[in-house]
C-alpha atoms as a PDB file:
ATOM      1  CA  MET A   1      20.020 -14.898  -5.021  1.00  0.00           C
ATOM      2  CA  GLU A   2      22.074 -11.566  -5.329  1.00  0.00           C
ATOM      3  CA  THR A   3      25.404 -11.191  -3.403  1.00  0.00           C
ATOM      4  CA  THR A   4      26.047  -7.964  -1.737  1.00  0.00           C
ATOM      5  CA  GLY A   5      29.687  -8.611  -1.277  1.00  0.00           C
ATOM      6  CA  VAL A   6      29.527  -7.726   2.551  1.00  0.00           C
ATOM      7  CA  VAL A   7      30.851 -10.420   4.705  1.00  0.00           C
ATOM      8  CA  ARG A   8      30.631 -10.149   8.688  1.00  0.00           C
ATOM      9  CA  ARG A   9      31.799 -12.160  11.458  1.00  0.00           C
ATOM     10  CA  ILE A  10      29.506 -14.001  14.310  1.00  0.00           C
ATOM     11  CA  ASP A  11      30.481 -12.452  17.511  1.00  0.00           C
ATOM     12  CA  GLY A  12      30.752 -14.534  20.629  1.00  0.00           C
ATOM     13  CA  LEU A  13      27.009 -14.413  21.424  1.00  0.00           C
ATOM     14  CA  GLY A  14      26.121 -15.271  17.911  1.00  0.00           C
ATOM     15  CA  ARG A  15      24.917 -12.061  16.549  1.00  0.00           C
ATOM     16  CA  ILE A  16      25.667 -10.425  13.367  1.00  0.00           C
ATOM     17  CA  VAL A  17      25.272  -7.150  11.962  1.00  0.00           C
ATOM     18  CA  ILE A  18      23.285  -6.253   9.055  1.00  0.00           C
ATOM     19  CA  PRO A  19      24.709  -3.406   7.218  1.00  0.00           C
ATOM     20  CA  LYS A  20      23.196   0.222   7.616  1.00  0.00           C
ATOM     21  CA  GLU A  21      22.679   0.155   3.869  1.00  0.00           C
ATOM     22  CA  ILE A  22      20.603  -3.017   3.189  1.00  0.00           C
ATOM     23  CA  ARG A  23      18.572  -2.235   6.467  1.00  0.00           C
ATOM     24  CA  LYS A  24      17.915   1.092   4.365  1.00  0.00           C
ATOM     25  CA  ASN A  25      17.020  -0.467   1.230  1.00  0.00           C
ATOM     26  CA  LEU A  26      14.864  -3.212   2.767  1.00  0.00           C
ATOM     27  CA  ARG A  27      13.320  -0.714   5.127  1.00  0.00           C
ATOM     28  CA  ILE A  28      14.087  -2.642   8.254  1.00  0.00           C
ATOM     29  CA  GLN A  29      13.911  -0.492  11.368  1.00  0.00           C
ATOM     30  CA  ASP A  30      15.544  -0.959  14.875  1.00  0.00           C
ATOM     31  CA  GLY A  31      13.381  -3.393  16.547  1.00  0.00           C
ATOM     32  CA  ALA A  32      11.789  -4.993  13.777  1.00  0.00           C
ATOM     33  CA  SER A  33      11.461  -8.530  13.688  1.00  0.00           C
ATOM     34  CA  LEU A  34      12.903 -10.902  11.384  1.00  0.00           C
ATOM     35  CA  GLU A  35      12.089 -14.752  10.323  1.00  0.00           C
ATOM     36  CA  ILE A  36      15.033 -17.029  10.231  1.00  0.00           C
ATOM     37  CA  PHE A  37      14.529 -19.869   7.400  1.00  0.00           C
ATOM     38  CA  VAL A  38      17.398 -22.471   7.204  1.00  0.00           C
ATOM     39  CA  GLU A  39      17.707 -24.717   4.002  1.00  0.00           C
ATOM     40  CA  ASN A  40      20.666 -27.215   3.732  1.00  0.00           C
ATOM     41  CA  ASP A  41      23.724 -24.515   4.254  1.00  0.00           C
ATOM     42  CA  MET A  42      22.000 -21.391   3.859  1.00  0.00           C
ATOM     43  CA  VAL A  43      20.345 -19.222   6.346  1.00  0.00           C
ATOM     44  CA  THR A  44      17.807 -16.900   5.108  1.00  0.00           C
ATOM     45  CA  LEU A  45      16.311 -13.808   7.106  1.00  0.00           C
ATOM     46  CA  LYS A  46      12.948 -12.267   6.002  1.00  0.00           C
ATOM     47  CA  LYS A  47      10.907  -9.243   7.317  1.00  0.00           C
ATOM     48  CA  TYR A  48       8.334 -10.553   9.706  1.00  0.00           C
ATOM     49  CA  SER A  49       4.973  -9.514   8.838  1.00  0.00           C
ATOM     50  CA  THR A  50       2.200 -10.402  11.257  1.00  0.00           C
ATOM     51  CA  ILE A  51      -0.697  -9.467   8.985  1.00  0.00           C
ATOM     52  CA  ASN A  52       1.178 -11.273   6.075  1.00  0.00           C
ATOM     53  CA  ASN A  53       0.039 -14.815   7.780  1.00  0.00           C
ATOM     54  CA  LEU A  54      -3.717 -13.527   6.932  1.00  0.00           C
ATOM     55  CA  SER A  55      -3.138 -12.939   3.397  1.00  0.00           C
ATOM     56  CA  ASP A  56      -5.899 -15.810   2.288  1.00  0.00           C
ATOM     57  CA  PHE A  57      -8.232 -14.652   4.894  1.00  0.00           C
ATOM     58  CA  ALA A  58      -7.742 -10.922   4.203  1.00  0.00           C
ATOM     59  CA  GLU A  59      -8.352 -11.726   0.633  1.00  0.00           C
ATOM     60  CA  ALA A  60     -11.630 -13.274   1.336  1.00  0.00           C
ATOM     61  CA  TYR A  61     -12.653 -10.475   3.685  1.00  0.00           C
ATOM     62  CA  VAL A  62     -12.038  -7.785   1.202  1.00  0.00           C
ATOM     63  CA  GLU A  63     -13.550  -9.421  -1.355  1.00  0.00           C
ATOM     64  CA  ALA A  64     -16.889  -9.671   0.946  1.00  0.00           C
ATOM     65  CA  ILE A  65     -16.658  -6.100   1.836  1.00  0.00           C
ATOM     66  CA  ASN A  66     -16.274  -5.144  -1.946  1.00  0.00           C
ATOM     67  CA  SER A  67     -19.436  -6.920  -2.793  1.00  0.00           C
ATOM     68  CA  THR A  68     -21.284  -4.544  -0.694  1.00  0.00           C
ATOM     69  CA  ILE A  69     -19.382  -1.153  -1.033  1.00  0.00           C
ATOM     70  CA  LYS A  70     -18.298  -1.825  -4.631  1.00  0.00           C
ATOM     71  CA  LYS A  71     -14.834   0.064  -4.313  1.00  0.00           C
ATOM     72  CA  ASP A  72     -11.360  -0.978  -3.990  1.00  0.00           C
ATOM     73  CA  ILE A  73     -10.441  -2.215  -0.668  1.00  0.00           C
ATOM     74  CA  LEU A  74      -6.584  -2.748   0.054  1.00  0.00           C
ATOM     75  CA  ILE A  75      -5.098  -4.326   3.344  1.00  0.00           C
ATOM     76  CA  THR A  76      -1.392  -3.586   4.019  1.00  0.00           C
ATOM     77  CA  ASP A  77       1.247  -4.422   6.366  1.00  0.00           C
ATOM     78  CA  LEU A  78       3.936  -1.928   7.011  1.00  0.00           C
ATOM     79  CA  ASP A  79       5.456  -2.305   3.562  1.00  0.00           C
ATOM     80  CA  ARG A  80       3.251  -3.697   0.920  1.00  0.00           C
ATOM     81  CA  ILE A  81      -0.277  -4.535  -0.071  1.00  0.00           C
ATOM     82  CA  ILE A  82      -1.270  -8.091   1.140  1.00  0.00           C
ATOM     83  CA  ALA A  83      -4.916  -8.458   0.115  1.00  0.00           C
ATOM     84  CA  SER A  84      -6.710  -6.277  -2.655  1.00  0.00           C
ATOM     85  CA  SER A  85     -10.263  -6.373  -3.964  1.00  0.00           C
ATOM     86  CA  GLY A  86     -12.596  -4.602  -6.688  1.00  0.00           C
ATOM     87  CA  PRO A  87     -11.771  -3.191 -10.279  1.00  0.00           C
ATOM     88  CA  SER A  88      -8.193  -2.301  -9.820  1.00  0.00           C
ATOM     89  CA  LYS A  89      -7.069  -5.398  -7.747  1.00  0.00           C
ATOM     90  CA  LYS A  90      -4.259  -6.434 -10.321  1.00  0.00           C
ATOM     91  CA  LYS A  91      -3.047  -2.997 -10.237  1.00  0.00           C
ATOM     92  CA  TYR A  92      -2.562  -3.022  -6.641  1.00  0.00           C
ATOM     93  CA  GLN A  93      -1.592  -6.310  -5.259  1.00  0.00           C
ATOM     94  CA  ASP A  94       1.897  -6.995  -3.756  1.00  0.00           C
ATOM     95  CA  LYS A  95       2.879  -3.442  -4.596  1.00  0.00           C
ATOM     96  CA  ASN A  96       4.659  -1.443  -1.963  1.00  0.00           C
ATOM     97  CA  ILE A  97       3.106   1.371  -0.336  1.00  0.00           C
ATOM     98  CA  SER A  98       3.910   4.718  -0.576  1.00  0.00           C
ATOM     99  CA  ASN A  99       6.039   6.629   2.197  1.00  0.00           C
ATOM    100  CA  TYR A 100       2.741   8.615   2.426  1.00  0.00           C
ATOM    101  CA  VAL A 101       0.547   5.653   3.569  1.00  0.00           C
ATOM    102  CA  GLU A 102       3.627   4.471   5.692  1.00  0.00           C
ATOM    103  CA  GLU A 103       3.486   7.828   7.900  1.00  0.00           C
ATOM    104  CA  CYS A 104      -0.438   7.330   8.087  1.00  0.00           C
ATOM    105  CA  ILE A 105       0.070   4.025   9.712  1.00  0.00           C
ATOM    106  CA  LYS A 106       3.179   5.045  11.935  1.00  0.00           C
ATOM    107  CA  ASN A 107       1.301   8.079  13.087  1.00  0.00           C
ATOM    108  CA  ARG A 108      -2.074   5.992  13.463  1.00  0.00           C
ATOM    109  CA  ASN A 109      -3.699   8.812  11.436  1.00  0.00           C
ATOM    110  CA  VAL A 110      -7.159   7.827   9.953  1.00  0.00           C
ATOM    111  CA  VAL A 111      -7.220   9.904   6.958  1.00  0.00           C
ATOM    112  CA  ILE A 112     -10.186  10.667   4.600  1.00  0.00           C
ATOM    113  CA  SER A 113      -9.441  12.521   1.232  1.00  0.00           C
ATOM    114  CA  ASN A 114     -12.462  13.465  -1.295  1.00  0.00           C
ATOM    115  CA  GLU A 115     -10.362  15.660  -3.559  1.00  0.00           C
ATOM    116  CA  THR A 116      -9.510  13.586  -6.525  1.00  0.00           C
ATOM    117  CA  SER A 117      -6.931  16.444  -7.031  1.00  0.00           C
ATOM    118  CA  PRO A 118      -4.115  16.882  -6.468  1.00  0.00           C
ATOM    119  CA  SER A 119      -2.597  13.323  -6.811  1.00  0.00           C
ATOM    120  CA  ARG A 120      -1.859  11.133  -4.055  1.00  0.00           C
ATOM    121  CA  GLU A 121       0.678   8.151  -4.107  1.00  0.00           C
ATOM    122  CA  ILE A 122      -0.801   5.128  -2.282  1.00  0.00           C
ATOM    123  CA  ILE A 123       1.291   2.682  -4.457  1.00  0.00           C
ATOM    124  CA  LYS A 124       5.132   3.603  -4.296  1.00  0.00           C
ATOM    125  CA  GLU A 125       6.002   5.923  -7.139  1.00  0.00           C
ATOM    126  CA  VAL A 126       2.254   5.933  -8.576  1.00  0.00           C
ATOM    127  CA  ALA A 127       0.181   9.106  -8.268  1.00  0.00           C
ATOM    128  CA  GLU A 128      -3.296   9.144  -9.251  1.00  0.00           C
ATOM    129  CA  SER A 129      -6.048  11.014  -8.618  1.00  0.00           C
ATOM    130  CA  ILE A 130      -8.512   9.431  -6.106  1.00  0.00           C
ATOM    131  CA  ASN A 131     -10.823   9.352  -3.172  1.00  0.00           C
ATOM    132  CA  TYR A 132      -9.669   7.392  -0.037  1.00  0.00           C
ATOM    133  CA  ILE A 133      -9.721   6.383   3.362  1.00  0.00           C
ATOM    134  CA  ILE A 134      -6.765   4.923   5.077  1.00  0.00           C
ATOM    135  CA  VAL A 135      -7.482   3.360   8.440  1.00  0.00           C
ATOM    136  CA  PRO A 136      -4.206   2.089  10.408  1.00  0.00           C
ATOM    137  CA  ILE A 137      -4.704  -1.711  11.796  1.00  0.00           C
ATOM    138  CA  ILE A 138      -3.570  -1.970  15.380  1.00  0.00           C
ATOM    139  CA  SER A 139      -2.895  -5.290  17.197  1.00  0.00           C
ATOM    140  CA  ASP A 140      -1.530  -5.199  20.952  1.00  0.00           C
ATOM    141  CA  SER A 141      -1.016  -1.686  20.763  1.00  0.00           C
ATOM    142  CA  GLU A 142       1.315  -1.910  17.765  1.00  0.00           C
ATOM    143  CA  THR A 143       0.435  -0.857  14.527  1.00  0.00           C
ATOM    144  CA  ILE A 144       0.820  -3.677  11.885  1.00  0.00           C
ATOM    145  CA  GLY A 145      -0.903  -2.230   8.704  1.00  0.00           C
ATOM    146  CA  SER A 146      -4.074  -0.587   7.199  1.00  0.00           C
ATOM    147  CA  VAL A 147      -7.165  -0.698   5.426  1.00  0.00           C
ATOM    148  CA  ILE A 148      -7.405   1.371   2.335  1.00  0.00           C
ATOM    149  CA  ILE A 149     -10.843   2.225   0.660  1.00  0.00           C
ATOM    150  CA  ILE A 150     -10.389   3.762  -2.627  1.00  0.00           C
ATOM    151  CA  SER A 151     -12.542   5.240  -5.138  1.00  0.00           C
ATOM    152  CA  LYS A 152     -11.857   7.050  -8.446  1.00  0.00           C
ATOM    153  CA  ASN A 153     -15.542   7.878  -9.396  1.00  0.00           C
ATOM    154  CA  SER A 154     -17.480   8.738  -6.068  1.00  0.00           C
ATOM    155  CA  LYS A 155     -16.761  10.053  -2.730  1.00  0.00           C
ATOM    156  CA  ILE A 156     -15.900   8.227   0.273  1.00  0.00           C
ATOM    157  CA  ILE A 157     -19.012   8.271   2.436  1.00  0.00           C
ATOM    158  CA  GLU A 158     -19.774   7.602   6.003  1.00  0.00           C
ATOM    159  CA  SER A 159     -20.556   3.810   5.483  1.00  0.00           C
ATOM    160  CA  ASP A 160     -17.247   3.343   3.521  1.00  0.00           C
ATOM    161  CA  GLU A 161     -15.690   4.907   6.614  1.00  0.00           C
ATOM    162  CA  LYS A 162     -17.436   2.704   9.085  1.00  0.00           C
ATOM    163  CA  ALA A 163     -16.635  -0.400   6.816  1.00  0.00           C
ATOM    164  CA  ALA A 164     -12.984   0.455   6.929  1.00  0.00           C
ATOM    165  CA  GLU A 165     -12.733   1.265  10.833  1.00  0.00           C
ATOM    166  CA  ILE A 166     -14.596  -2.262  11.352  1.00  0.00           C
ATOM    167  CA  ALA A 167     -12.315  -4.083   9.280  1.00  0.00           C
ATOM    168  CA  ALA A 168      -9.243  -2.606  11.021  1.00  0.00           C
ATOM    169  CA  THR A 169     -10.568  -3.260  14.240  1.00  0.00           C
ATOM    170  CA  PHE A 170     -11.401  -6.899  13.117  1.00  0.00           C
ATOM    171  CA  LEU A 171      -8.204  -7.669  11.342  1.00  0.00           C
ATOM    172  CA  GLY A 172      -6.270  -6.028  14.737  1.00  0.00           C
ATOM    173  CA  LYS A 173      -8.371  -8.281  17.039  1.00  0.00           C
ATOM    174  CA  HIS A 174      -8.056 -11.583  14.908  1.00  0.00           C
ATOM    175  CA  ILE A 175      -4.334 -11.292  14.737  1.00  0.00           C
ATOM    176  CA  GLU A 176      -4.348 -10.869  18.678  1.00  0.00           C
ATOM    177  CA  GLU A 177      -5.948 -14.396  19.191  1.00  0.00           C
END
């Protein structure tokens, strides 16, 4: 475990302040939820991801979609890719999403691009020439992630768009239950 050298006091209500630099580095925004873990004499805070609890289910789900549409499919939370399927599965799995994808999710934008140039970042700091669709996952009126379909060789077609929309709606509803 890496030390930051920062020491904080707990106030009378049991609160501590996480320094701004740490929140910025970990991309923890105001109102974000954190999980609290206790082991022996250590308290660990971890960013909470509603959709991350579904990673095994999401992995099987994207494999099923991929068997039909034969394109890379990614499921993200607000920070990283939690499930992937297709020829580039290992390239994408557990990678951080780009600022561009974060903005699409935050703004609830469905984005379709069938122009393989210019290059676009889906993964942070990895620009590539691809066709893609990004559909935000919404659960209980909150954006919690996205479904992304990627293709290097063929255009995103209407059936890909419908598959991404159905997947996003299904995952959003599944989390609500």
